[in-house]
């Protein structure tokens, strides 16, 4: 998969989700070291039902005609899990960003390789 297209689609999706009740506080394109597959982790600003979350994501992907990203690549990450992964202490990037991370250990927590699109937890 074309990394540039994935990042562009992730940024577009983030902007689109800003207009929904999801209003992402955190978005990261994470790459699995085992499989090499990418997942788009999304931390919504409010608690939201999984079905509603994925429905809104699917609508946004369709409305924006995103080709590099599909709903199966998107993963709902709740605030508690984001805290356990150490994102609140890692970085603050409230807008739309493109911050590359290498696989690393931060405060005893293993972070995957990835690209932060937004981190405003």
N, C-alpha and C. Protein backbone atom coordinates (compact mmCIF):
# COMPACT_ATOMS: atom_id res chain seq x y z
N UNK A 1 0.85 -1.18 0.00
CA UNK A 1 0.00 0.00 0.00
C UNK A 1 0.89 1.24 0.00
N UNK A 2 0.52 2.21 -0.78
CA UNK A 2 1.25 3.46 -0.89
C UNK A 2 1.12 4.27 0.40
N UNK A 3 2.24 4.43 1.10
CA UNK A 3 2.25 5.12 2.40
C UNK A 3 1.75 6.56 2.28
N UNK A 4 2.16 7.24 1.22
CA UNK A 4 1.76 8.63 1.03
C UNK A 4 0.24 8.74 0.89
N UNK A 5 -0.35 7.84 0.12
CA UNK A 5 -1.81 7.84 -0.06
C UNK A 5 -2.52 7.52 1.25
N UNK A 6 -1.97 6.60 2.04
CA UNK A 6 -2.56 6.27 3.35
C UNK A 6 -2.57 7.49 4.26
N UNK A 7 -1.45 8.20 4.32
CA UNK A 7 -1.35 9.37 5.19
C UNK A 7 -2.32 10.46 4.73
N UNK A 8 -2.37 10.70 3.44
CA UNK A 8 -3.29 11.71 2.91
C UNK A 8 -4.74 11.35 3.22
N UNK A 9 -5.10 10.08 3.01
CA UNK A 9 -6.47 9.64 3.32
C UNK A 9 -6.75 9.73 4.82
N UNK A 10 -5.76 9.40 5.66
CA UNK A 10 -5.95 9.49 7.11
C UNK A 10 -6.19 10.94 7.53
N UNK A 11 -5.46 11.86 6.93
CA UNK A 11 -5.65 13.28 7.24
C UNK A 11 -7.03 13.76 6.78
N UNK A 12 -7.44 13.33 5.59
CA UNK A 12 -8.76 13.71 5.07
C UNK A 12 -9.86 13.14 5.94
N UNK A 13 -9.72 11.87 6.34
CA UNK A 13 -10.71 11.25 7.21
C UNK A 13 -10.79 11.97 8.55
N UNK A 14 -9.66 12.36 9.10
CA UNK A 14 -9.65 13.08 10.38
C UNK A 14 -10.43 14.39 10.26
N UNK A 15 -10.20 15.12 9.19
CA UNK A 15 -10.94 16.37 8.98
C UNK A 15 -12.44 16.10 8.85
N UNK A 16 -12.78 15.05 8.14
CA UNK A 16 -14.19 14.70 7.96
C UNK A 16 -14.83 14.28 9.28
N UNK A 17 -14.11 13.50 10.08
CA UNK A 17 -14.65 13.05 11.38
C UNK A 17 -14.77 14.20 12.37
N UNK A 18 -14.01 15.28 12.16
CA UNK A 18 -14.15 16.47 13.00
C UNK A 18 -15.57 17.04 12.92
N UNK A 19 -16.25 16.78 11.82
CA UNK A 19 -17.61 17.29 11.61
C UNK A 19 -18.68 16.35 12.16
N UNK A 20 -18.27 15.25 12.79
CA UNK A 20 -19.21 14.29 13.36
C UNK A 20 -19.07 14.30 14.88
N UNK A 21 -19.87 13.47 15.55
CA UNK A 21 -19.75 13.38 17.01
C UNK A 21 -18.46 12.70 17.45
N UNK A 22 -17.71 12.10 16.53
CA UNK A 22 -16.45 11.44 16.88
C UNK A 22 -15.41 12.48 17.28
N UNK A 23 -15.27 13.54 16.51
CA UNK A 23 -14.30 14.61 16.79
C UNK A 23 -13.01 14.04 17.38
N UNK A 24 -12.19 13.38 16.58
CA UNK A 24 -11.03 12.65 17.10
C UNK A 24 -10.06 13.51 17.90
N UNK A 25 -9.68 12.99 19.06
CA UNK A 25 -8.65 13.63 19.88
C UNK A 25 -7.28 13.05 19.54
N UNK A 26 -7.28 11.81 19.07
CA UNK A 26 -6.04 11.15 18.68
C UNK A 26 -6.25 10.32 17.43
N UNK A 27 -5.30 10.42 16.50
CA UNK A 27 -5.33 9.61 15.28
C UNK A 27 -3.89 9.24 14.96
N UNK A 28 -3.64 7.94 14.81
CA UNK A 28 -2.30 7.47 14.47
C UNK A 28 -2.39 6.34 13.48
N UNK A 29 -1.60 6.42 12.44
CA UNK A 29 -1.47 5.35 11.47
C UNK A 29 -0.34 4.46 11.98
N UNK A 30 -0.70 3.31 12.57
CA UNK A 30 0.27 2.43 13.21
C UNK A 30 0.57 1.24 12.30
N UNK A 31 1.83 0.86 12.25
CA UNK A 31 2.26 -0.25 11.40
C UNK A 31 2.70 -1.41 12.29
N UNK A 32 2.11 -2.58 12.06
CA UNK A 32 2.45 -3.78 12.82
C UNK A 32 3.82 -4.29 12.41
N UNK A 33 4.69 -4.51 13.40
CA UNK A 33 6.03 -5.03 13.08
C UNK A 33 5.97 -6.49 12.64
N UNK A 34 4.94 -7.22 13.10
CA UNK A 34 4.82 -8.63 12.73
C UNK A 34 4.26 -8.82 11.32
N UNK A 35 3.19 -8.10 10.99
CA UNK A 35 2.50 -8.32 9.72
C UNK A 35 2.81 -7.27 8.67
N UNK A 36 3.29 -6.11 9.09
CA UNK A 36 3.54 -5.02 8.16
C UNK A 36 2.28 -4.27 7.76
N UNK A 37 1.13 -4.70 8.29
CA UNK A 37 -0.14 -4.04 7.96
C UNK A 37 -0.31 -2.76 8.77
N UNK A 38 -1.01 -1.82 8.18
CA UNK A 38 -1.28 -0.54 8.85
C UNK A 38 -2.69 -0.52 9.40
N UNK A 39 -2.84 0.08 10.57
CA UNK A 39 -4.14 0.33 11.19
C UNK A 39 -4.21 1.81 11.51
N UNK A 40 -5.39 2.37 11.37
CA UNK A 40 -5.60 3.76 11.75
C UNK A 40 -6.30 3.77 13.10
N UNK A 41 -5.55 4.10 14.15
CA UNK A 41 -6.12 4.17 15.49
C UNK A 41 -6.79 5.52 15.65
N UNK A 42 -8.05 5.50 16.10
CA UNK A 42 -8.81 6.74 16.31
C UNK A 42 -9.32 6.77 17.74
N UNK A 43 -8.96 7.83 18.47
CA UNK A 43 -9.44 8.06 19.83
C UNK A 43 -10.51 9.15 19.75
N UNK A 44 -11.79 8.79 19.92
CA UNK A 44 -12.85 9.80 19.83
C UNK A 44 -12.86 10.70 21.06
N UNK A 45 -13.44 11.89 20.91
CA UNK A 45 -13.50 12.82 22.04
C UNK A 45 -14.56 12.42 23.05
N UNK A 46 -15.54 11.63 22.63
CA UNK A 46 -16.61 11.18 23.53
C UNK A 46 -16.74 9.67 23.47
N UNK A 47 -17.35 9.11 24.53
CA UNK A 47 -17.68 7.69 24.46
C UNK A 47 -18.70 7.51 23.35
N UNK A 48 -18.49 6.50 22.54
CA UNK A 48 -19.38 6.27 21.41
C UNK A 48 -19.53 4.77 21.21
N UNK A 49 -20.71 4.35 20.87
CA UNK A 49 -21.00 2.96 20.59
C UNK A 49 -20.19 2.52 19.37
N UNK A 50 -19.64 1.30 19.42
CA UNK A 50 -18.82 0.80 18.31
C UNK A 50 -19.57 0.82 16.98
N UNK A 51 -20.80 0.38 17.01
CA UNK A 51 -21.58 0.32 15.77
C UNK A 51 -21.74 1.73 15.18
N UNK A 52 -22.05 2.68 16.04
CA UNK A 52 -22.21 4.06 15.56
C UNK A 52 -20.88 4.62 15.05
N UNK A 53 -19.80 4.33 15.78
CA UNK A 53 -18.47 4.78 15.37
C UNK A 53 -18.13 4.28 13.97
N UNK A 54 -18.24 2.97 13.77
CA UNK A 54 -17.86 2.40 12.47
C UNK A 54 -18.82 2.83 11.36
N UNK A 55 -20.08 3.07 11.70
CA UNK A 55 -21.02 3.60 10.72
C UNK A 55 -20.62 4.98 10.24
N UNK A 56 -20.25 5.85 11.19
CA UNK A 56 -19.82 7.21 10.83
C UNK A 56 -18.52 7.19 10.03
N UNK A 57 -17.60 6.29 10.41
CA UNK A 57 -16.34 6.16 9.68
C UNK A 57 -16.61 5.71 8.24
N UNK A 58 -17.47 4.70 8.08
CA UNK A 58 -17.80 4.20 6.74
C UNK A 58 -18.43 5.30 5.89
N UNK A 59 -19.33 6.07 6.49
CA UNK A 59 -19.97 7.18 5.75
C UNK A 59 -18.94 8.21 5.31
N UNK A 60 -18.01 8.54 6.21
CA UNK A 60 -16.99 9.54 5.89
C UNK A 60 -16.05 9.04 4.79
N UNK A 61 -15.64 7.78 4.87
CA UNK A 61 -14.76 7.21 3.84
C UNK A 61 -15.46 7.24 2.48
N UNK A 62 -16.73 6.88 2.47
CA UNK A 62 -17.50 6.88 1.22
C UNK A 62 -17.70 8.31 0.69
N UNK A 63 -18.07 9.22 1.57
CA UNK A 63 -18.33 10.61 1.16
C UNK A 63 -17.08 11.29 0.62
N UNK A 64 -15.93 10.96 1.20
CA UNK A 64 -14.67 11.58 0.77
C UNK A 64 -14.02 10.81 -0.38
N UNK A 65 -14.61 9.66 -0.75
CA UNK A 65 -14.09 8.82 -1.84
C UNK A 65 -12.63 8.45 -1.61
N UNK A 66 -12.34 7.96 -0.40
CA UNK A 66 -10.97 7.58 -0.05
C UNK A 66 -10.67 6.20 -0.63
N UNK A 67 -9.52 6.06 -1.28
CA UNK A 67 -9.18 4.82 -1.94
C UNK A 67 -8.12 4.00 -1.22
N UNK A 68 -7.23 4.65 -0.47
CA UNK A 68 -6.15 3.93 0.19
C UNK A 68 -6.57 3.39 1.55
N UNK A 69 -7.69 3.87 2.07
CA UNK A 69 -8.13 3.55 3.42
C UNK A 69 -9.52 2.94 3.36
N UNK A 70 -9.72 1.86 4.12
CA UNK A 70 -11.07 1.30 4.21
C UNK A 70 -11.44 1.13 5.68
N UNK A 71 -12.71 0.92 5.94
CA UNK A 71 -13.20 0.87 7.32
C UNK A 71 -12.55 -0.27 8.11
N UNK A 72 -12.13 -1.34 7.45
CA UNK A 72 -11.47 -2.45 8.12
C UNK A 72 -10.10 -2.09 8.67
N UNK A 73 -9.52 -1.01 8.20
CA UNK A 73 -8.22 -0.57 8.68
C UNK A 73 -8.34 0.35 9.90
N UNK A 74 -9.54 0.82 10.18
CA UNK A 74 -9.76 1.78 11.26
C UNK A 74 -10.07 1.03 12.55
N UNK A 75 -9.44 1.45 13.64
CA UNK A 75 -9.65 0.81 14.93
C UNK A 75 -10.02 1.86 15.98
N UNK A 76 -11.14 1.63 16.65
CA UNK A 76 -11.58 2.49 17.75
C UNK A 76 -10.69 2.23 18.96
N UNK A 77 -10.07 3.28 19.47
CA UNK A 77 -9.21 3.19 20.65
C UNK A 77 -9.81 4.11 21.72
N UNK A 78 -10.20 3.52 22.85
CA UNK A 78 -10.79 4.37 23.89
C UNK A 78 -9.68 5.10 24.66
N UNK A 79 -10.09 6.11 25.42
CA UNK A 79 -9.14 6.96 26.13
C UNK A 79 -8.28 6.16 27.12
N UNK A 80 -8.88 5.17 27.78
CA UNK A 80 -8.13 4.37 28.75
C UNK A 80 -6.99 3.61 28.06
N UNK A 81 -7.27 3.04 26.90
CA UNK A 81 -6.22 2.32 26.16
C UNK A 81 -5.15 3.29 25.66
N UNK A 82 -5.57 4.46 25.20
CA UNK A 82 -4.61 5.47 24.74
C UNK A 82 -3.69 5.88 25.89
N UNK A 83 -4.25 5.99 27.09
CA UNK A 83 -3.44 6.32 28.27
C UNK A 83 -2.45 5.21 28.58
N UNK A 84 -2.91 3.95 28.50
CA UNK A 84 -2.01 2.82 28.76
C UNK A 84 -0.87 2.78 27.75
N UNK A 85 -1.13 3.21 26.53
CA UNK A 85 -0.09 3.23 25.50
C UNK A 85 0.83 4.44 25.65
N UNK A 86 0.51 5.34 26.57
CA UNK A 86 1.38 6.47 26.86
C UNK A 86 1.27 7.65 25.92
N UNK A 87 0.21 7.72 25.13
CA UNK A 87 0.10 8.79 24.15
C UNK A 87 -0.05 10.17 24.78
N UNK A 88 -0.70 10.24 25.93
CA UNK A 88 -0.91 11.55 26.56
C UNK A 88 0.43 12.20 26.91
N UNK A 89 1.40 11.38 27.32
CA UNK A 89 2.71 11.91 27.71
C UNK A 89 3.66 12.03 26.53
N UNK A 90 3.34 11.40 25.42
CA UNK A 90 4.27 11.32 24.30
C UNK A 90 4.41 12.63 23.53
N UNK A 91 3.31 13.16 23.10
CA UNK A 91 3.37 14.32 22.20
C UNK A 91 2.03 15.03 22.19
N UNK A 92 2.06 16.31 21.87
CA UNK A 92 0.82 17.07 21.70
C UNK A 92 0.85 17.68 20.31
N UNK A 93 -0.09 17.27 19.50
CA UNK A 93 -0.21 17.76 18.12
C UNK A 93 -1.70 17.92 17.82
N UNK A 94 -2.29 19.08 18.19
CA UNK A 94 -3.74 19.24 18.12
C UNK A 94 -4.32 19.39 16.71
N UNK A 95 -3.55 19.80 15.76
CA UNK A 95 -4.09 20.02 14.41
C UNK A 95 -4.00 18.75 13.57
N UNK A 96 -3.79 18.94 12.29
CA UNK A 96 -3.54 17.83 11.37
C UNK A 96 -2.04 17.80 11.14
N UNK A 97 -1.42 16.68 11.50
CA UNK A 97 0.04 16.58 11.46
C UNK A 97 0.48 15.40 10.62
N UNK A 98 1.79 15.25 10.56
CA UNK A 98 2.44 14.10 9.93
C UNK A 98 3.75 13.91 10.69
N UNK A 99 3.65 13.26 11.85
CA UNK A 99 4.81 13.07 12.72
C UNK A 99 5.19 11.60 12.69
N UNK A 100 6.37 11.31 12.15
CA UNK A 100 6.83 9.93 11.99
C UNK A 100 7.47 9.44 13.29
N UNK A 101 7.08 8.24 13.71
CA UNK A 101 7.66 7.60 14.88
C UNK A 101 8.29 6.28 14.47
N UNK A 102 9.44 6.00 15.01
CA UNK A 102 10.04 4.68 14.85
C UNK A 102 9.59 3.84 16.04
N UNK A 103 9.58 2.54 15.86
CA UNK A 103 9.24 1.64 16.97
C UNK A 103 10.18 1.96 18.12
N UNK A 104 9.62 2.18 19.32
CA UNK A 104 10.43 2.66 20.42
C UNK A 104 9.79 2.31 21.75
N UNK A 105 10.57 2.43 22.80
CA UNK A 105 10.07 2.26 24.17
C UNK A 105 10.03 3.62 24.83
N UNK A 106 8.88 3.98 25.39
CA UNK A 106 8.72 5.23 26.11
C UNK A 106 8.09 4.91 27.46
N UNK A 107 8.80 5.25 28.54
CA UNK A 107 8.31 4.98 29.90
C UNK A 107 7.89 3.53 30.08
N UNK A 108 8.67 2.61 29.53
CA UNK A 108 8.38 1.19 29.68
C UNK A 108 7.26 0.67 28.80
N UNK A 109 6.79 1.48 27.87
CA UNK A 109 5.70 1.09 26.97
C UNK A 109 6.24 1.01 25.56
N UNK A 110 5.97 -0.10 24.88
CA UNK A 110 6.41 -0.29 23.51
C UNK A 110 5.44 0.41 22.55
N UNK A 111 5.97 1.34 21.78
CA UNK A 111 5.16 2.05 20.79
C UNK A 111 5.51 1.52 19.40
N UNK A 112 4.51 1.32 18.56
CA UNK A 112 4.79 0.82 17.22
C UNK A 112 5.32 1.92 16.31
N UNK A 113 5.87 1.49 15.19
CA UNK A 113 6.22 2.44 14.14
C UNK A 113 4.92 3.02 13.61
N UNK A 114 4.93 4.29 13.30
CA UNK A 114 3.70 4.87 12.78
C UNK A 114 3.82 6.35 12.50
N UNK A 115 2.69 6.92 12.13
CA UNK A 115 2.62 8.34 11.82
C UNK A 115 1.45 8.94 12.60
N UNK A 116 1.77 9.92 13.43
CA UNK A 116 0.74 10.61 14.20
C UNK A 116 0.10 11.66 13.30
N UNK A 117 -1.21 11.57 13.18
CA UNK A 117 -1.98 12.55 12.43
C UNK A 117 -2.49 13.63 13.39
N UNK A 118 -2.93 13.21 14.56
CA UNK A 118 -3.36 14.14 15.62
C UNK A 118 -3.13 13.46 16.96
N UNK A 119 -2.67 14.22 17.95
CA UNK A 119 -2.56 13.71 19.31
C UNK A 119 -2.84 14.88 20.24
N UNK A 120 -4.07 14.96 20.71
CA UNK A 120 -4.51 16.07 21.56
C UNK A 120 -5.32 15.50 22.73
N UNK A 121 -4.69 14.58 23.46
CA UNK A 121 -5.38 13.89 24.55
C UNK A 121 -5.29 14.67 25.85
